[in-house]
């Protein structure tokens, strides 16, 4: 992933006997998947709007004809 530019790793060596955990940055990955996330959110909003419209649509009334 580092070679593709999707993440960056920062090594943190403090002493010759050990080190602190590495720091990772996923900014490249986030930038790469942002268009897909936006598309998914748009589709989700459209689906919710369609469902809301379906629920609010007028329902048929029961008419009793007692002739």
Protein backbone atom coordinates (compact mmCIF):
# COMPACT_ATOMS: atom_id res chain seq x y z
CA UNK A 1 0.00 0.00 0.00
CA UNK A 2 2.91 2.32 0.65
CA UNK A 3 4.24 1.76 -2.87
CA UNK A 4 0.85 2.69 -4.32
CA UNK A 5 0.74 5.91 -2.28
CA UNK A 6 -2.33 4.83 -0.33
CA UNK A 7 -0.66 5.04 3.06
CA UNK A 8 2.41 6.48 4.72
CA UNK A 9 4.33 4.96 7.60
CA UNK A 10 6.50 6.90 10.02
CA UNK A 11 8.90 4.79 12.06
CA UNK A 12 9.52 6.05 15.57
CA UNK A 13 12.78 4.76 17.00
CA UNK A 14 13.69 6.19 20.37
CA UNK A 15 16.52 4.05 21.69
CA UNK A 16 18.78 1.37 20.39
CA UNK A 17 16.85 -1.16 22.52
CA UNK A 18 13.33 -0.41 21.40
CA UNK A 19 10.94 1.84 19.67
CA UNK A 20 7.49 3.31 19.96
CA UNK A 21 4.72 2.09 17.68
CA UNK A 22 4.78 3.39 14.13
CA UNK A 23 2.47 6.16 12.95
CA UNK A 24 0.33 5.48 9.89
CA UNK A 25 -1.44 7.95 7.65
CA UNK A 26 -4.19 6.76 5.30
CA UNK A 27 -4.80 10.09 3.56
CA UNK A 28 -4.03 8.63 0.12
CA UNK A 29 -6.50 5.80 0.65
CA UNK A 30 -9.19 8.19 1.86
CA UNK A 31 -8.67 10.40 -1.19
CA UNK A 32 -8.85 7.35 -3.50
CA UNK A 33 -12.15 6.03 -2.10
CA UNK A 34 -13.90 9.38 -1.57
CA UNK A 35 -15.73 9.32 -4.95
CA UNK A 36 -17.10 5.84 -4.21
CA UNK A 37 -18.27 6.93 -0.75
CA UNK A 38 -20.00 10.01 -2.19
CA UNK A 39 -21.75 7.85 -4.79
CA UNK A 40 -22.92 5.44 -2.08
CA UNK A 41 -24.24 8.29 0.07
CA UNK A 42 -26.10 9.77 -2.90
CA UNK A 43 -27.75 6.44 -3.69
CA UNK A 44 -28.69 6.00 -0.03
CA UNK A 45 -30.31 9.46 0.08
CA UNK A 46 -32.25 8.74 -3.14
CA UNK A 47 -33.48 5.43 -1.73
CA UNK A 48 -34.58 7.09 1.51
CA UNK A 49 -36.39 9.86 -0.38
CA UNK A 50 -38.19 7.30 -2.56
CA UNK A 51 -39.23 5.29 0.50
CA UNK A 52 -40.47 8.45 2.24
CA UNK A 53 -42.48 9.42 -0.85
CA UNK A 54 -43.93 5.91 -1.06
CA UNK A 55 -45.05 6.02 2.56
CA UNK A 56 -46.59 9.49 2.20
CA UNK A 57 -48.49 8.62 -0.98
CA UNK A 58 -52.26 8.58 -0.70
CA UNK A 59 -53.70 5.30 0.27
CA UNK A 60 -56.90 3.97 -1.27
CA UNK A 61 -60.01 4.53 0.81
CA UNK A 62 -62.46 1.78 1.55
CA UNK A 63 -65.85 2.67 0.15
CA UNK A 64 -68.87 0.71 1.28
CA UNK A 65 -71.79 0.75 -1.13
CA UNK A 66 -74.94 -0.35 0.73
CA UNK A 67 -77.43 -0.32 -2.12
